[in-house]
């Protein structure tokens, strides 16, 4: 059965959209062996753009395009194997696919492989290799690579510690709407490290990250709100933001929320709720919380 027939029914649901004709054309071209068309079609199927969203079929066409040395498809397929999206989860396949992507101008693959080397996931842990891959991705225009290289520069991992360079990388990534960049730049401004201290700007950057659903951004904004740094002190807002980040598995946010319940700041004083969030913080890996629940 030709691939085009697999998604033709889905396309008919979007027949009134101008993008319908383009999706149909890509399907026919991919079926005829045009790997660039397969690449474009894969992303449409993955997003549900003028066709029914179908990640399993996206994986099929990404595989075809990757075999034709389309780097972006190799990167997309590697990510799908990591997540188990559209394919049976098999993280062991990700390094090879990311490497192939990186070798064929798929900058997302360079970033993905760098993340694996940074963590030591399915490859040996190697911060130097991770930094080199992030730099390659950044130079190739993949802004997540710039943000992650900024993190390594700030920490002095794999590269010389350089807060000014980190700030520049974070700013570049943030300007491109990359949340990690905004969060990193906000932290530098809050500390006055590598850039001038500016609590108001830091709070604005944390809000930008939080609005983009980054738990770390909500946590940092909550800290600023609790302390009145860069915005008016507001314990109620801090509690809501800590809860939002805690619900997104940010361990320290759970711990700080427990502190507000213990003091009755911004929320009613409820020691039992304080213990509940302290226990959750410990379970999520925040070591300072664990001694506080022993014997309870």
C-alpha atoms as a PDB file:
ATOM      1  CA  UNK A   1       0.000   0.000   0.000  1.00  0.00           C
ATOM      2  CA  UNK A   2       1.445   3.334  -0.961  1.00  0.00           C
ATOM      3  CA  UNK A   3       2.338   5.679   1.897  1.00  0.00           C
ATOM      4  CA  UNK A   4       0.216   8.411   0.402  1.00  0.00           C
ATOM      5  CA  UNK A   5      -2.933   6.340   0.958  1.00  0.00           C
ATOM      6  CA  UNK A   6      -2.109   5.991   4.665  1.00  0.00           C
ATOM      7  CA  UNK A   7      -2.789   9.622   5.412  1.00  0.00           C
ATOM      8  CA  UNK A   8      -5.012  10.676   2.523  1.00  0.00           C
ATOM      9  CA  UNK A   9      -8.134  10.261   4.631  1.00  0.00           C
ATOM     10  CA  UNK A  10      -6.679  12.576   7.255  1.00  0.00           C
ATOM     11  CA  UNK A  11      -5.929  15.227   4.672  1.00  0.00           C
ATOM     12  CA  UNK A  12      -9.545  15.309   3.528  1.00  0.00           C
ATOM     13  CA  UNK A  13     -10.576  16.658   6.938  1.00  0.00           C
ATOM     14  CA  UNK A  14      -8.546  19.791   6.180  1.00  0.00           C
ATOM     15  CA  UNK A  15      -9.658  20.134   2.564  1.00  0.00           C
ATOM     16  CA  UNK A  16     -10.661  23.780   2.993  1.00  0.00           C
ATOM     17  CA  UNK A  17      -7.204  24.833   4.176  1.00  0.00           C
ATOM     18  CA  UNK A  18      -4.625  26.127   1.699  1.00  0.00           C
ATOM     19  CA  UNK A  19      -2.051  23.876   3.363  1.00  0.00           C
ATOM     20  CA  UNK A  20      -4.009  20.821   2.276  1.00  0.00           C
ATOM     21  CA  UNK A  21      -2.655  20.943  -1.257  1.00  0.00           C
ATOM     22  CA  UNK A  22       0.904  21.224   0.054  1.00  0.00           C
ATOM     23  CA  UNK A  23       0.441  18.241   2.387  1.00  0.00           C
ATOM     24  CA  UNK A  24      -0.962  16.190  -0.464  1.00  0.00           C
ATOM     25  CA  UNK A  25       1.923  17.196  -2.715  1.00  0.00           C
ATOM     26  CA  UNK A  26       4.466  16.222  -0.056  1.00  0.00           C
ATOM     27  CA  UNK A  27       2.780  12.854   0.384  1.00  0.00           C
ATOM     28  CA  UNK A  28       2.933  12.099  -3.311  1.00  0.00           C
ATOM     29  CA  UNK A  29       6.541  13.311  -3.593  1.00  0.00           C
ATOM     30  CA  UNK A  30       7.646  11.291  -0.575  1.00  0.00           C
ATOM     31  CA  UNK A  31       5.965   8.219  -1.992  1.00  0.00           C
ATOM     32  CA  UNK A  32       7.939   8.786  -5.190  1.00  0.00           C
ATOM     33  CA  UNK A  33      11.243   8.790  -3.298  1.00  0.00           C
ATOM     34  CA  UNK A  34      11.811  12.490  -2.560  1.00  0.00           C
ATOM     35  CA  UNK A  35      13.458  12.313   0.868  1.00  0.00           C
ATOM     36  CA  UNK A  36      13.231  16.080   1.412  1.00  0.00           C
ATOM     37  CA  UNK A  37       9.490  15.810   0.966  1.00  0.00           C
ATOM     38  CA  UNK A  38       9.445  12.917   3.453  1.00  0.00           C
ATOM     39  CA  UNK A  39      11.243  15.121   5.956  1.00  0.00           C
ATOM     40  CA  UNK A  40       8.714  17.935   5.587  1.00  0.00           C
ATOM     41  CA  UNK A  41       5.808  15.492   5.685  1.00  0.00           C
ATOM     42  CA  UNK A  42       7.125  13.879   8.869  1.00  0.00           C
ATOM     43  CA  UNK A  43       6.946  17.164  10.743  1.00  0.00           C
ATOM     44  CA  UNK A  44       3.429  17.814   9.479  1.00  0.00           C
ATOM     45  CA  UNK A  45       2.309  14.374  10.667  1.00  0.00           C
ATOM     46  CA  UNK A  46       4.070  14.878  13.985  1.00  0.00           C
ATOM     47  CA  UNK A  47       2.345  18.228  14.569  1.00  0.00           C
ATOM     48  CA  UNK A  48      -0.985  17.454  12.932  1.00  0.00           C
ATOM     49  CA  UNK A  49      -0.506  20.292  10.428  1.00  0.00           C
ATOM     50  CA  UNK A  50      -3.188  19.963   7.730  1.00  0.00           C
ATOM     51  CA  UNK A  51      -3.222  16.191   8.284  1.00  0.00           C
ATOM     52  CA  UNK A  52      -4.366  14.086  11.192  1.00  0.00           C
ATOM     53  CA  UNK A  53      -1.603  13.917  13.773  1.00  0.00           C
ATOM     54  CA  UNK A  54      -0.016  10.486  13.492  1.00  0.00           C
ATOM     55  CA  UNK A  55       3.378  10.041  15.175  1.00  0.00           C
ATOM     56  CA  UNK A  56       3.704   6.409  14.067  1.00  0.00           C
ATOM     57  CA  UNK A  57       3.458   7.423  10.423  1.00  0.00           C
ATOM     58  CA  UNK A  58       5.762  10.357  11.116  1.00  0.00           C
ATOM     59  CA  UNK A  59       8.376   7.880  12.333  1.00  0.00           C
ATOM     60  CA  UNK A  60       8.041   5.903   9.102  1.00  0.00           C
ATOM     61  CA  UNK A  61       8.681   8.899   6.871  1.00  0.00           C
ATOM     62  CA  UNK A  62      11.434  10.256   9.138  1.00  0.00           C
ATOM     63  CA  UNK A  63      13.173   6.890   8.829  1.00  0.00           C
ATOM     64  CA  UNK A  64      12.939   7.065   5.052  1.00  0.00           C
ATOM     65  CA  UNK A  65      14.342  10.605   5.013  1.00  0.00           C
ATOM     66  CA  UNK A  66      17.085   9.760   7.506  1.00  0.00           C
ATOM     67  CA  UNK A  67      18.197   6.866   5.310  1.00  0.00           C
ATOM     68  CA  UNK A  68      18.503   9.510   2.595  1.00  0.00           C
ATOM     69  CA  UNK A  69      20.860  11.519   4.857  1.00  0.00           C
ATOM     70  CA  UNK A  70      18.398  14.238   5.841  1.00  0.00           C
ATOM     71  CA  UNK A  71      19.842  15.287   9.193  1.00  0.00           C
ATOM     72  CA  UNK A  72      16.699  16.871  10.629  1.00  0.00           C
ATOM     73  CA  UNK A  73      14.802  13.621  10.158  1.00  0.00           C
ATOM     74  CA  UNK A  74      17.542  11.612  11.869  1.00  0.00           C
ATOM     75  CA  UNK A  75      17.378  14.002  14.827  1.00  0.00           C
ATOM     76  CA  UNK A  76      13.588  13.807  14.985  1.00  0.00           C
ATOM     77  CA  UNK A  77      13.664  10.015  14.846  1.00  0.00           C
ATOM     78  CA  UNK A  78      16.329   9.886  17.562  1.00  0.00           C
ATOM     79  CA  UNK A  79      14.123  11.974  19.813  1.00  0.00           C
ATOM     80  CA  UNK A  80      11.169   9.705  19.125  1.00  0.00           C
ATOM     81  CA  UNK A  81      13.175   6.639  20.168  1.00  0.00           C
ATOM     82  CA  UNK A  82      14.219   8.420  23.367  1.00  0.00           C
ATOM     83  CA  UNK A  83      10.621   9.263  24.267  1.00  0.00           C
ATOM     84  CA  UNK A  84       8.940   6.187  22.842  1.00  0.00           C
ATOM     85  CA  UNK A  85       6.795   8.426  20.642  1.00  0.00           C
ATOM     86  CA  UNK A  86       5.468   6.676  17.537  1.00  0.00           C
ATOM     87  CA  UNK A  87       7.984   3.858  18.026  1.00  0.00           C
ATOM     88  CA  UNK A  88       8.843   1.384  20.752  1.00  0.00           C
ATOM     89  CA  UNK A  89      11.073   3.224  23.183  1.00  0.00           C
ATOM     90  CA  UNK A  90      14.729   2.309  22.611  1.00  0.00           C
ATOM     91  CA  UNK A  91      17.144   4.921  23.924  1.00  0.00           C
ATOM     92  CA  UNK A  92      20.107   2.870  22.692  1.00  0.00           C
ATOM     93  CA  UNK A  93      19.288   3.966  19.131  1.00  0.00           C
ATOM     94  CA  UNK A  94      19.389   7.682  19.937  1.00  0.00           C
ATOM     95  CA  UNK A  95      23.191   8.267  19.952  1.00  0.00           C
ATOM     96  CA  UNK A  96      23.685   6.810  16.485  1.00  0.00           C
ATOM     97  CA  UNK A  97      20.729   8.730  15.058  1.00  0.00           C
ATOM     98  CA  UNK A  98      21.814  11.998  16.684  1.00  0.00           C
ATOM     99  CA  UNK A  99      25.361  11.497  15.392  1.00  0.00           C
ATOM    100  CA  UNK A 100      24.072  10.848  11.889  1.00  0.00           C
ATOM    101  CA  UNK A 101      21.906  13.939  12.152  1.00  0.00           C
ATOM    102  CA  UNK A 102      24.837  16.050  13.324  1.00  0.00           C
ATOM    103  CA  UNK A 103      27.023  14.720  10.492  1.00  0.00           C
ATOM    104  CA  UNK A 104      24.391  15.831   7.977  1.00  0.00           C
ATOM    105  CA  UNK A 105      23.663  19.367   9.197  1.00  0.00           C
ATOM    106  CA  UNK A 106      20.876  18.389  11.589  1.00  0.00           C
ATOM    107  CA  UNK A 107      21.861  20.748  14.393  1.00  0.00           C
ATOM    108  CA  UNK A 108      19.175  19.411  16.730  1.00  0.00           C
ATOM    109  CA  UNK A 109      21.057  16.123  16.540  1.00  0.00           C
ATOM    110  CA  UNK A 110      24.287  17.825  17.668  1.00  0.00           C
ATOM    111  CA  UNK A 111      22.422  19.278  20.647  1.00  0.00           C
ATOM    112  CA  UNK A 112      20.714  15.981  21.450  1.00  0.00           C
ATOM    113  CA  UNK A 113      23.984  14.081  21.338  1.00  0.00           C
ATOM    114  CA  UNK A 114      25.591  16.743  23.513  1.00  0.00           C
ATOM    115  CA  UNK A 115      22.868  16.248  26.110  1.00  0.00           C
ATOM    116  CA  UNK A 116      23.580  12.511  26.156  1.00  0.00           C
ATOM    117  CA  UNK A 117      27.317  13.109  26.648  1.00  0.00           C
ATOM    118  CA  UNK A 118      26.627  15.653  29.389  1.00  0.00           C
ATOM    119  CA  UNK A 119      24.481  13.161  31.274  1.00  0.00           C
ATOM    120  CA  UNK A 120      26.450  10.044  30.389  1.00  0.00           C
ATOM    121  CA  UNK A 121      23.274   8.492  28.973  1.00  0.00           C
ATOM    122  CA  UNK A 122      23.991   5.619  26.551  1.00  0.00           C
ATOM    123  CA  UNK A 123      27.437   7.181  25.938  1.00  0.00           C
ATOM    124  CA  UNK A 124      30.355   7.844  28.332  1.00  0.00           C
ATOM    125  CA  UNK A 125      29.914  11.041  30.328  1.00  0.00           C
ATOM    126  CA  UNK A 126      32.128  13.642  28.687  1.00  0.00           C
ATOM    127  CA  UNK A 127      31.581  17.349  29.366  1.00  0.00           C
ATOM    128  CA  UNK A 128      34.262  18.384  26.869  1.00  0.00           C
ATOM    129  CA  UNK A 129      32.562  16.448  24.082  1.00  0.00           C
ATOM    130  CA  UNK A 130      29.195  17.840  25.155  1.00  0.00           C
ATOM    131  CA  UNK A 131      30.523  21.406  25.013  1.00  0.00           C
ATOM    132  CA  UNK A 132      31.977  20.851  21.537  1.00  0.00           C
ATOM    133  CA  UNK A 133      28.656  19.503  20.278  1.00  0.00           C
ATOM    134  CA  UNK A 134      26.685  22.367  21.820  1.00  0.00           C
ATOM    135  CA  UNK A 135      29.073  24.846  20.209  1.00  0.00           C
ATOM    136  CA  UNK A 136      28.655  23.146  16.827  1.00  0.00           C
ATOM    137  CA  UNK A 137      24.885  23.302  17.206  1.00  0.00           C
ATOM    138  CA  UNK A 138      24.988  26.931  18.328  1.00  0.00           C
ATOM    139  CA  UNK A 139      27.134  27.978  15.369  1.00  0.00           C
ATOM    140  CA  UNK A 140      24.655  26.125  13.166  1.00  0.00           C
ATOM    141  CA  UNK A 141      21.783  28.226  14.519  1.00  0.00           C
ATOM    142  CA  UNK A 142      20.233  25.813  17.035  1.00  0.00           C
ATOM    143  CA  UNK A 143      19.557  28.107  19.964  1.00  0.00           C
ATOM    144  CA  UNK A 144      19.028  25.360  22.532  1.00  0.00           C
ATOM    145  CA  UNK A 145      22.648  24.422  21.869  1.00  0.00           C
ATOM    146  CA  UNK A 146      23.648  28.021  22.647  1.00  0.00           C
ATOM    147  CA  UNK A 147      21.699  27.972  25.924  1.00  0.00           C
ATOM    148  CA  UNK A 148      23.202  24.657  27.007  1.00  0.00           C
ATOM    149  CA  UNK A 149      26.696  25.860  26.100  1.00  0.00           C
ATOM    150  CA  UNK A 150      25.927  28.884  28.262  1.00  0.00           C
ATOM    151  CA  UNK A 151      25.151  26.573  31.192  1.00  0.00           C
ATOM    152  CA  UNK A 152      28.476  24.773  30.754  1.00  0.00           C
ATOM    153  CA  UNK A 153      30.323  28.098  30.469  1.00  0.00           C
ATOM    154  CA  UNK A 154      28.712  29.363  33.679  1.00  0.00           C
ATOM    155  CA  UNK A 155      29.565  26.154  35.512  1.00  0.00           C
ATOM    156  CA  UNK A 156      33.032  25.698  34.009  1.00  0.00           C
ATOM    157  CA  UNK A 157      32.136  22.219  32.786  1.00  0.00           C
ATOM    158  CA  UNK A 158      33.906  21.060  29.627  1.00  0.00           C
ATOM    159  CA  UNK A 159      35.025  24.626  28.930  1.00  0.00           C
ATOM    160  CA  UNK A 160      36.730  27.361  30.932  1.00  0.00           C
ATOM    161  CA  UNK A 161      34.354  29.109  33.310  1.00  0.00           C
ATOM    162  CA  UNK A 162      33.349  32.391  31.691  1.00  0.00           C
ATOM    163  CA  UNK A 163      30.290  34.201  33.018  1.00  0.00           C
ATOM    164  CA  UNK A 164      30.460  36.931  30.389  1.00  0.00           C
ATOM    165  CA  UNK A 165      30.397  34.365  27.607  1.00  0.00           C
ATOM    166  CA  UNK A 166      27.584  32.535  29.375  1.00  0.00           C
ATOM    167  CA  UNK A 167      25.564  35.755  29.536  1.00  0.00           C
ATOM    168  CA  UNK A 168      26.104  36.401  25.827  1.00  0.00           C
ATOM    169  CA  UNK A 169      25.011  32.859  24.941  1.00  0.00           C
ATOM    170  CA  UNK A 170      21.981  33.035  27.226  1.00  0.00           C
ATOM    171  CA  UNK A 171      20.964  36.399  25.770  1.00  0.00           C
ATOM    172  CA  UNK A 172      21.237  35.084  22.217  1.00  0.00           C
ATOM    173  CA  UNK A 173      19.109  32.068  23.094  1.00  0.00           C
ATOM    174  CA  UNK A 174      16.558  34.108  25.039  1.00  0.00           C
ATOM    175  CA  UNK A 175      16.173  36.571  22.170  1.00  0.00           C
ATOM    176  CA  UNK A 176      15.299  33.538  20.032  1.00  0.00           C
ATOM    177  CA  UNK A 177      12.557  32.563  22.531  1.00  0.00           C
ATOM    178  CA  UNK A 178      14.602  29.735  24.032  1.00  0.00           C
ATOM    179  CA  UNK A 179      13.389  29.468  27.621  1.00  0.00           C
ATOM    180  CA  UNK A 180      16.571  28.005  29.097  1.00  0.00           C
ATOM    181  CA  UNK A 181      18.441  31.060  27.861  1.00  0.00           C
ATOM    182  CA  UNK A 182      16.042  33.458  29.595  1.00  0.00           C
ATOM    183  CA  UNK A 183      16.279  31.494  32.821  1.00  0.00           C
ATOM    184  CA  UNK A 184      20.069  31.378  32.721  1.00  0.00           C
ATOM    185  CA  UNK A 185      20.372  35.082  31.960  1.00  0.00           C
ATOM    186  CA  UNK A 186      17.944  35.882  34.757  1.00  0.00           C
ATOM    187  CA  UNK A 187      20.069  33.967  37.248  1.00  0.00           C
ATOM    188  CA  UNK A 188      23.186  35.879  36.193  1.00  0.00           C
ATOM    189  CA  UNK A 189      21.416  39.222  36.584  1.00  0.00           C
ATOM    190  CA  UNK A 190      20.056  38.163  39.985  1.00  0.00           C
ATOM    191  CA  UNK A 191      23.581  37.328  41.138  1.00  0.00           C
ATOM    192  CA  UNK A 192      25.370  40.135  39.316  1.00  0.00           C
ATOM    193  CA  UNK A 193      27.706  37.571  37.783  1.00  0.00           C
ATOM    194  CA  UNK A 194      29.077  38.297  34.319  1.00  0.00           C
ATOM    195  CA  UNK A 195      26.531  41.106  33.984  1.00  0.00           C
ATOM    196  CA  UNK A 196      25.370  43.996  36.151  1.00  0.00           C
ATOM    197  CA  UNK A 197      23.030  42.974  38.946  1.00  0.00           C
ATOM    198  CA  UNK A 198      19.499  43.917  38.003  1.00  0.00           C
ATOM    199  CA  UNK A 199      16.760  42.399  40.126  1.00  0.00           C
ATOM    200  CA  UNK A 200      13.933  43.850  38.051  1.00  0.00           C
ATOM    201  CA  UNK A 201      15.339  42.467  34.817  1.00  0.00           C
ATOM    202  CA  UNK A 202      15.997  39.129  36.497  1.00  0.00           C
ATOM    203  CA  UNK A 203      12.376  38.940  37.692  1.00  0.00           C
ATOM    204  CA  UNK A 204      11.153  39.819  34.193  1.00  0.00           C
ATOM    205  CA  UNK A 205      13.273  37.044  32.689  1.00  0.00           C
ATOM    206  CA  UNK A 206      12.073  34.555  35.298  1.00  0.00           C
ATOM    207  CA  UNK A 207       8.477  35.488  34.486  1.00  0.00           C
ATOM    208  CA  UNK A 208       9.147  34.978  30.797  1.00  0.00           C
ATOM    209  CA  UNK A 209      10.487  31.485  31.544  1.00  0.00           C
ATOM    210  CA  UNK A 210       7.602  30.698  33.896  1.00  0.00           C
ATOM    211  CA  UNK A 211       5.034  31.859  31.348  1.00  0.00           C
ATOM    212  CA  UNK A 212       6.667  29.399  28.963  1.00  0.00           C
ATOM    213  CA  UNK A 213       5.963  26.602  31.477  1.00  0.00           C
ATOM    214  CA  UNK A 214       9.523  26.226  32.787  1.00  0.00           C
ATOM    215  CA  UNK A 215       9.371  25.006  36.380  1.00  0.00           C
ATOM    216  CA  UNK A 216      12.766  26.581  37.093  1.00  0.00           C
ATOM    217  CA  UNK A 217      11.451  29.966  35.967  1.00  0.00           C
ATOM    218  CA  UNK A 218       8.401  29.718  38.233  1.00  0.00           C
ATOM    219  CA  UNK A 219      10.632  28.694  41.139  1.00  0.00           C
ATOM    220  CA  UNK A 220      13.028  31.622  40.644  1.00  0.00           C
ATOM    221  CA  UNK A 221      10.117  34.051  40.271  1.00  0.00           C
ATOM    222  CA  UNK A 222       8.639  32.679  43.492  1.00  0.00           C
ATOM    223  CA  UNK A 223      11.930  33.244  45.322  1.00  0.00           C
ATOM    224  CA  UNK A 224      12.059  36.816  44.017  1.00  0.00           C
ATOM    225  CA  UNK A 225       8.464  37.381  45.075  1.00  0.00           C
ATOM    226  CA  UNK A 226       9.035  35.927  48.532  1.00  0.00           C
ATOM    227  CA  UNK A 227      12.097  38.151  49.060  1.00  0.00           C
ATOM    228  CA  UNK A 228      10.762  41.224  47.279  1.00  0.00           C
ATOM    229  CA  UNK A 229      13.671  41.281  44.838  1.00  0.00           C
ATOM    230  CA  UNK A 230      12.823  43.025  41.583  1.00  0.00           C
ATOM    231  CA  UNK A 231       9.091  43.030  42.333  1.00  0.00           C
ATOM    232  CA  UNK A 232       6.909  43.761  45.378  1.00  0.00           C
ATOM    233  CA  UNK A 233       7.106  41.198  48.172  1.00  0.00           C
ATOM    234  CA  UNK A 234       4.058  38.952  47.885  1.00  0.00           C
ATOM    235  CA  UNK A 235       3.943  35.721  49.877  1.00  0.00           C
ATOM    236  CA  UNK A 236       0.636  34.684  48.323  1.00  0.00           C
ATOM    237  CA  UNK A 237       2.083  34.911  44.813  1.00  0.00           C
ATOM    238  CA  UNK A 238       5.212  33.114  45.983  1.00  0.00           C
ATOM    239  CA  UNK A 239       3.090  30.265  47.363  1.00  0.00           C
ATOM    240  CA  UNK A 240       1.154  29.916  44.105  1.00  0.00           C
ATOM    241  CA  UNK A 241       4.339  29.902  42.062  1.00  0.00           C
ATOM    242  CA  UNK A 242       6.060  27.402  44.348  1.00  0.00           C
ATOM    243  CA  UNK A 243       3.011  25.147  44.052  1.00  0.00           C
ATOM    244  CA  UNK A 244       3.054  25.446  40.258  1.00  0.00           C
ATOM    245  CA  UNK A 245       6.732  24.478  40.130  1.00  0.00           C
ATOM    246  CA  UNK A 246       6.281  21.745  42.741  1.00  0.00           C
ATOM    247  CA  UNK A 247       3.469  20.215  40.706  1.00  0.00           C
ATOM    248  CA  UNK A 248       5.973  20.127  37.843  1.00  0.00           C
ATOM    249  CA  UNK A 249       8.373  18.092  40.044  1.00  0.00           C
ATOM    250  CA  UNK A 250      10.685  20.922  41.107  1.00  0.00           C
ATOM    251  CA  UNK A 251      11.933  19.565  44.444  1.00  0.00           C
ATOM    252  CA  UNK A 252      13.202  22.798  46.006  1.00  0.00           C
ATOM    253  CA  UNK A 253       9.927  24.536  45.171  1.00  0.00           C
ATOM    254  CA  UNK A 254       8.104  21.880  47.193  1.00  0.00           C
ATOM    255  CA  UNK A 255      10.508  22.462  50.089  1.00  0.00           C
ATOM    256  CA  UNK A 256      10.073  26.240  50.017  1.00  0.00           C
ATOM    257  CA  UNK A 257       6.310  25.848  49.840  1.00  0.00           C
ATOM    258  CA  UNK A 258       6.525  23.678  52.949  1.00  0.00           C
ATOM    259  CA  UNK A 259       8.308  26.558  54.668  1.00  0.00           C
ATOM    260  CA  UNK A 260       5.464  28.947  53.844  1.00  0.00           C
ATOM    261  CA  UNK A 261       2.904  26.509  55.255  1.00  0.00           C
ATOM    262  CA  UNK A 262       5.010  26.105  58.387  1.00  0.00           C
ATOM    263  CA  UNK A 263       5.167  29.890  58.915  1.00  0.00           C
ATOM    264  CA  UNK A 264       1.696  30.713  57.616  1.00  0.00           C
ATOM    265  CA  UNK A 265       3.117  33.169  55.071  1.00  0.00           C
ATOM    266  CA  UNK A 266       0.868  33.664  52.056  1.00  0.00           C
ATOM    267  CA  UNK A 267      -1.125  30.578  53.069  1.00  0.00           C
ATOM    268  CA  UNK A 268      -2.835  29.445  56.254  1.00  0.00           C
ATOM    269  CA  UNK A 269      -0.441  27.941  58.773  1.00  0.00           C
ATOM    270  CA  UNK A 270      -0.836  24.178  58.380  1.00  0.00           C
ATOM    271  CA  UNK A 271       2.029  22.038  59.744  1.00  0.00           C
ATOM    272  CA  UNK A 272       0.541  18.904  58.206  1.00  0.00           C
ATOM    273  CA  UNK A 273       0.686  20.469  54.743  1.00  0.00           C
ATOM    274  CA  UNK A 274       4.219  21.611  55.464  1.00  0.00           C
ATOM    275  CA  UNK A 275       5.175  18.006  56.206  1.00  0.00           C
ATOM    276  CA  UNK A 276       3.397  16.791  53.071  1.00  0.00           C
ATOM    277  CA  UNK A 277       5.431  19.098  50.836  1.00  0.00           C
ATOM    278  CA  UNK A 278       8.641  18.397  52.769  1.00  0.00           C
ATOM    279  CA  UNK A 279       8.129  14.701  52.113  1.00  0.00           C
ATOM    280  CA  UNK A 280       7.483  15.363  48.428  1.00  0.00           C
ATOM    281  CA  UNK A 281      10.672  17.449  48.204  1.00  0.00           C
ATOM    282  CA  UNK A 282      12.654  14.569  49.700  1.00  0.00           C
ATOM    283  CA  UNK A 283      11.094  12.052  47.316  1.00  0.00           C
ATOM    284  CA  UNK A 284      12.027  14.317  44.399  1.00  0.00           C
ATOM    285  CA  UNK A 285      15.648  14.359  45.546  1.00  0.00           C
ATOM    286  CA  UNK A 286      16.080  17.559  47.587  1.00  0.00           C
ATOM    287  CA  UNK A 287      18.449  16.254  50.242  1.00  0.00           C
ATOM    288  CA  UNK A 288      17.883  19.073  52.778  1.00  0.00           C
ATOM    289  CA  UNK A 289      14.275  17.981  53.140  1.00  0.00           C
ATOM    290  CA  UNK A 290      14.916  14.369  54.100  1.00  0.00           C
ATOM    291  CA  UNK A 291      16.251  14.873  57.669  1.00  0.00           C
ATOM    292  CA  UNK A 292      13.102  16.864  58.480  1.00  0.00           C
ATOM    293  CA  UNK A 293      10.811  13.908  57.873  1.00  0.00           C
ATOM    294  CA  UNK A 294      12.754  11.256  59.777  1.00  0.00           C
ATOM    295  CA  UNK A 295      10.830   9.874  62.672  1.00  0.00           C
ATOM    296  CA  UNK A 296       7.481  11.141  61.360  1.00  0.00           C
END
